[in-house]
Amino acid sequence: MGCALGKTYNKNVHIVSNCPVSFDYEISIVKSHPEIHLVSPMMGEITGLETTELAFSYTPKTFATAEAEITVRTTEFDSETRTIRIVGNAAPTKEGDRK
């Protein structure tokens, strides 16, 4: 399912900590796209035994597929950098839906 042109679709990705120690995280943008925006801070803290949300928004301006890619690195011992690929596409709207 796509998002209507000019409308905004929001999505959250949850990072769950299953240990009692807090860790810092840092986000790097590997591939940007003008229609996809990272709403979350580029760095912060993942609190021990809690969930941290990374928020994205997608506002299509064309009927092309939009793709962005970020990496998330944490200071947790022996952790690996994770890659998140964000893909969005616009959907045609019915004539009565355009306002």
N, C-alpha and C. Protein backbone atom coordinates (compact mmCIF):
# COMPACT_ATOMS: atom_id res chain seq x y z
N MET A 1 0.85 -1.18 0.00
CA MET A 1 0.00 0.00 0.00
C MET A 1 0.88 1.23 0.00
N GLY A 2 0.57 2.20 -0.82
CA GLY A 2 1.37 3.41 -0.91
C GLY A 2 0.73 4.56 -0.16
N CYS A 3 1.41 5.67 -0.18
CA CYS A 3 0.97 6.89 0.49
C CYS A 3 0.51 7.87 -0.60
N ALA A 4 -0.57 8.58 -0.36
CA ALA A 4 -1.08 9.55 -1.33
C ALA A 4 -0.11 10.71 -1.50
N LEU A 5 -0.01 11.23 -2.72
CA LEU A 5 0.86 12.38 -2.97
C LEU A 5 0.51 13.53 -2.04
N GLY A 6 1.54 14.14 -1.46
CA GLY A 6 1.35 15.28 -0.58
C GLY A 6 0.96 14.93 0.85
N LYS A 7 0.58 13.69 1.10
CA LYS A 7 0.25 13.25 2.46
C LYS A 7 1.52 12.73 3.13
N THR A 8 1.50 12.63 4.45
CA THR A 8 2.67 12.15 5.18
C THR A 8 2.35 10.85 5.88
N TYR A 9 3.27 9.89 5.73
CA TYR A 9 3.18 8.60 6.40
C TYR A 9 4.31 8.56 7.44
N ASN A 10 3.98 8.24 8.67
CA ASN A 10 4.96 8.17 9.75
C ASN A 10 5.16 6.71 10.17
N LYS A 11 6.40 6.37 10.49
CA LYS A 11 6.73 5.01 10.91
C LYS A 11 7.77 5.09 12.02
N ASN A 12 7.60 4.23 13.03
CA ASN A 12 8.57 4.13 14.12
C ASN A 12 9.24 2.77 14.10
N VAL A 13 10.53 2.77 14.37
CA VAL A 13 11.30 1.54 14.55
C VAL A 13 11.71 1.51 16.01
N HIS A 14 11.49 0.38 16.66
CA HIS A 14 11.77 0.26 18.09
C HIS A 14 13.11 -0.44 18.32
N ILE A 15 13.93 0.16 19.17
CA ILE A 15 15.16 -0.48 19.62
C ILE A 15 14.91 -0.88 21.07
N VAL A 16 14.92 -2.18 21.33
CA VAL A 16 14.61 -2.70 22.66
C VAL A 16 15.90 -3.12 23.35
N SER A 17 16.09 -2.59 24.56
CA SER A 17 17.24 -2.98 25.37
C SER A 17 16.82 -4.09 26.31
N ASN A 18 17.56 -5.20 26.30
CA ASN A 18 17.24 -6.30 27.20
C ASN A 18 18.31 -6.49 28.26
N CYS A 19 19.06 -5.42 28.52
CA CYS A 19 20.04 -5.47 29.60
C CYS A 19 19.88 -4.21 30.46
N PRO A 20 20.32 -4.24 31.71
CA PRO A 20 20.07 -3.12 32.62
C PRO A 20 21.00 -1.91 32.43
N VAL A 21 21.90 -1.97 31.46
CA VAL A 21 22.86 -0.89 31.25
C VAL A 21 22.41 -0.02 30.07
N SER A 22 22.57 1.30 30.20
CA SER A 22 22.24 2.21 29.10
C SER A 22 23.41 2.34 28.15
N PHE A 23 23.09 2.56 26.86
CA PHE A 23 24.10 2.70 25.83
C PHE A 23 23.77 3.90 24.95
N ASP A 24 24.79 4.51 24.40
CA ASP A 24 24.59 5.59 23.44
C ASP A 24 24.39 4.99 22.05
N TYR A 25 23.65 5.73 21.20
CA TYR A 25 23.52 5.32 19.81
C TYR A 25 23.86 6.51 18.92
N GLU A 26 24.26 6.20 17.70
CA GLU A 26 24.55 7.23 16.71
C GLU A 26 24.03 6.76 15.36
N ILE A 27 23.32 7.64 14.66
CA ILE A 27 22.75 7.33 13.36
C ILE A 27 23.56 8.04 12.28
N SER A 28 23.88 7.32 11.23
CA SER A 28 24.55 7.91 10.07
C SER A 28 23.66 7.69 8.85
N ILE A 29 23.51 8.72 8.05
CA ILE A 29 22.73 8.60 6.82
C ILE A 29 23.66 8.13 5.71
N VAL A 30 23.38 6.94 5.20
CA VAL A 30 24.19 6.35 4.14
C VAL A 30 23.68 6.82 2.78
N LYS A 31 22.36 6.82 2.63
CA LYS A 31 21.72 7.23 1.38
C LYS A 31 20.49 8.04 1.73
N SER A 32 20.46 9.30 1.35
CA SER A 32 19.32 10.15 1.68
C SER A 32 18.35 10.23 0.51
N HIS A 33 17.14 10.66 0.81
CA HIS A 33 16.14 10.93 -0.22
C HIS A 33 15.32 12.13 0.25
N PRO A 34 15.04 13.10 -0.60
CA PRO A 34 14.36 14.32 -0.16
C PRO A 34 12.94 14.11 0.36
N GLU A 35 12.33 12.98 0.07
CA GLU A 35 10.96 12.73 0.53
C GLU A 35 10.90 11.91 1.82
N ILE A 36 12.04 11.42 2.28
CA ILE A 36 12.11 10.63 3.51
C ILE A 36 12.93 11.40 4.54
N HIS A 37 12.35 11.56 5.73
CA HIS A 37 13.02 12.35 6.77
C HIS A 37 13.12 11.55 8.06
N LEU A 38 14.27 11.64 8.69
CA LEU A 38 14.47 11.05 10.01
C LEU A 38 14.01 12.08 11.02
N VAL A 39 13.03 11.73 11.84
CA VAL A 39 12.47 12.65 12.82
C VAL A 39 13.24 12.57 14.14
N SER A 40 13.83 11.42 14.41
CA SER A 40 14.55 11.20 15.67
C SER A 40 15.88 11.95 15.69
N PRO A 41 16.43 12.17 16.88
CA PRO A 41 17.77 12.75 16.97
C PRO A 41 18.80 11.81 16.35
N MET A 42 19.86 12.36 15.82
CA MET A 42 20.91 11.58 15.18
C MET A 42 21.77 10.83 16.20
N MET A 43 21.67 11.20 17.46
CA MET A 43 22.37 10.48 18.52
C MET A 43 21.57 10.63 19.81
N GLY A 44 21.78 9.68 20.70
CA GLY A 44 21.05 9.72 21.96
C GLY A 44 21.40 8.52 22.81
N GLU A 45 20.52 8.22 23.74
CA GLU A 45 20.77 7.13 24.68
C GLU A 45 19.65 6.10 24.60
N ILE A 46 20.04 4.85 24.62
CA ILE A 46 19.10 3.73 24.74
C ILE A 46 19.15 3.34 26.20
N THR A 47 18.09 3.63 26.92
CA THR A 47 18.04 3.37 28.35
C THR A 47 17.90 1.88 28.62
N GLY A 48 18.64 1.39 29.62
CA GLY A 48 18.61 -0.02 29.96
C GLY A 48 17.21 -0.52 30.25
N LEU A 49 16.87 -1.69 29.72
CA LEU A 49 15.59 -2.38 29.91
C LEU A 49 14.38 -1.56 29.44
N GLU A 50 14.60 -0.66 28.49
CA GLU A 50 13.50 0.13 27.95
C GLU A 50 13.54 0.10 26.42
N THR A 51 12.57 0.74 25.80
CA THR A 51 12.47 0.80 24.35
C THR A 51 12.71 2.23 23.89
N THR A 52 13.53 2.38 22.87
CA THR A 52 13.80 3.67 22.26
C THR A 52 13.23 3.65 20.85
N GLU A 53 12.53 4.72 20.47
CA GLU A 53 11.92 4.77 19.14
C GLU A 53 12.72 5.66 18.21
N LEU A 54 12.89 5.18 16.98
CA LEU A 54 13.42 6.00 15.90
C LEU A 54 12.25 6.28 14.97
N ALA A 55 12.00 7.54 14.68
CA ALA A 55 10.83 7.92 13.89
C ALA A 55 11.25 8.45 12.52
N PHE A 56 10.48 8.03 11.50
CA PHE A 56 10.70 8.45 10.12
C PHE A 56 9.40 9.01 9.56
N SER A 57 9.51 9.90 8.59
CA SER A 57 8.32 10.36 7.87
C SER A 57 8.61 10.32 6.37
N TYR A 58 7.56 10.06 5.62
CA TYR A 58 7.64 9.99 4.16
C TYR A 58 6.51 10.83 3.58
N THR A 59 6.88 11.82 2.78
CA THR A 59 5.90 12.68 2.12
C THR A 59 6.19 12.67 0.63
N PRO A 60 5.49 11.83 -0.14
CA PRO A 60 5.78 11.73 -1.58
C PRO A 60 5.35 12.98 -2.35
N LYS A 61 6.21 13.37 -3.26
CA LYS A 61 5.91 14.49 -4.14
C LYS A 61 5.84 14.03 -5.60
N THR A 62 6.27 12.78 -5.84
CA THR A 62 6.24 12.19 -7.18
C THR A 62 5.75 10.75 -7.06
N PHE A 63 5.46 10.13 -8.19
CA PHE A 63 5.04 8.73 -8.19
C PHE A 63 6.22 7.77 -8.28
N ALA A 64 7.41 8.23 -8.01
CA ALA A 64 8.60 7.38 -8.02
C ALA A 64 8.79 6.72 -6.66
N THR A 65 9.49 5.59 -6.65
CA THR A 65 9.82 4.93 -5.38
C THR A 65 10.96 5.70 -4.71
N ALA A 66 10.80 5.95 -3.42
CA ALA A 66 11.82 6.65 -2.64
C ALA A 66 12.54 5.64 -1.77
N GLU A 67 13.85 5.77 -1.69
CA GLU A 67 14.64 4.84 -0.87
C GLU A 67 15.73 5.61 -0.13
N ALA A 68 15.85 5.33 1.16
CA ALA A 68 16.90 5.91 1.99
C ALA A 68 17.51 4.78 2.82
N GLU A 69 18.71 5.01 3.31
CA GLU A 69 19.37 3.99 4.13
C GLU A 69 20.16 4.67 5.24
N ILE A 70 20.03 4.14 6.45
CA ILE A 70 20.78 4.66 7.58
C ILE A 70 21.48 3.52 8.29
N THR A 71 22.48 3.84 9.08
CA THR A 71 23.10 2.85 9.95
C THR A 71 22.93 3.34 11.39
N VAL A 72 22.78 2.38 12.29
CA VAL A 72 22.65 2.66 13.72
C VAL A 72 23.78 1.93 14.42
N ARG A 73 24.60 2.70 15.12
CA ARG A 73 25.72 2.13 15.86
C ARG A 73 25.50 2.43 17.34
N THR A 74 25.75 1.44 18.19
CA THR A 74 25.61 1.64 19.63
C THR A 74 26.96 1.40 20.31
N THR A 75 27.07 1.88 21.53
CA THR A 75 28.30 1.68 22.31
C THR A 75 28.23 0.40 23.14
N GLU A 76 27.18 -0.39 22.93
CA GLU A 76 27.04 -1.66 23.64
C GLU A 76 28.22 -2.57 23.29
N PHE A 77 28.73 -3.26 24.29
CA PHE A 77 29.88 -4.14 24.10
C PHE A 77 29.59 -5.18 23.04
N ASP A 78 30.50 -5.35 22.10
CA ASP A 78 30.43 -6.36 21.05
C ASP A 78 29.21 -6.20 20.12
N SER A 79 28.68 -4.99 20.01
CA SER A 79 27.52 -4.81 19.13
C SER A 79 27.99 -4.56 17.70
N GLU A 80 27.11 -4.86 16.75
CA GLU A 80 27.38 -4.64 15.34
C GLU A 80 26.53 -3.47 14.84
N THR A 81 27.07 -2.75 13.88
CA THR A 81 26.31 -1.68 13.25
C THR A 81 25.16 -2.29 12.47
N ARG A 82 23.97 -1.72 12.63
CA ARG A 82 22.78 -2.22 11.94
C ARG A 82 22.40 -1.25 10.83
N THR A 83 21.97 -1.80 9.72
CA THR A 83 21.54 -1.00 8.58
C THR A 83 20.02 -1.06 8.49
N ILE A 84 19.40 0.10 8.31
CA ILE A 84 17.95 0.18 8.13
C ILE A 84 17.70 0.80 6.76
N ARG A 85 16.95 0.09 5.95
CA ARG A 85 16.58 0.56 4.61
C ARG A 85 15.13 1.00 4.66
N ILE A 86 14.86 2.22 4.21
CA ILE A 86 13.52 2.80 4.25
C ILE A 86 13.06 3.00 2.81
N VAL A 87 11.93 2.41 2.47
CA VAL A 87 11.41 2.50 1.11
C VAL A 87 9.97 2.99 1.16
N GLY A 88 9.65 3.92 0.29
CA GLY A 88 8.28 4.43 0.22
C GLY A 88 7.85 4.57 -1.23
N ASN A 89 6.56 4.45 -1.46
CA ASN A 89 6.05 4.68 -2.81
C ASN A 89 4.70 5.37 -2.72
N ALA A 90 4.43 6.20 -3.69
CA ALA A 90 3.18 6.95 -3.72
C ALA A 90 2.10 6.14 -4.40
N ALA A 91 0.88 6.32 -3.93
CA ALA A 91 -0.27 5.63 -4.52
C ALA A 91 -1.19 6.66 -5.17
N PRO A 92 -1.73 6.31 -6.31
CA PRO A 92 -2.72 7.21 -6.92
C PRO A 92 -3.92 7.37 -6.00
N THR A 93 -4.52 8.52 -6.02
CA THR A 93 -5.72 8.77 -5.21
C THR A 93 -6.93 8.88 -6.13
N LYS A 94 -8.08 8.61 -5.56
CA LYS A 94 -9.32 8.78 -6.31
C LYS A 94 -9.57 10.28 -6.49
N GLU A 95 -10.24 10.65 -7.53
CA GLU A 95 -10.48 12.06 -7.84
C GLU A 95 -11.14 12.78 -6.65
N GLY A 96 -12.04 12.13 -5.95
CA GLY A 96 -12.74 12.75 -4.81
C GLY A 96 -11.85 12.91 -3.58
N ASP A 97 -10.70 12.19 -3.53
CA ASP A 97 -9.81 12.27 -2.38
C ASP A 97 -8.85 13.45 -2.45
N ARG A 98 -8.69 14.06 -3.60
CA ARG A 98 -7.73 15.16 -3.76
C ARG A 98 -8.39 16.46 -3.31
N LYS A 99 -7.78 17.08 -2.34
CA LYS A 99 -8.31 18.36 -1.84
C LYS A 99 -7.18 19.27 -1.45
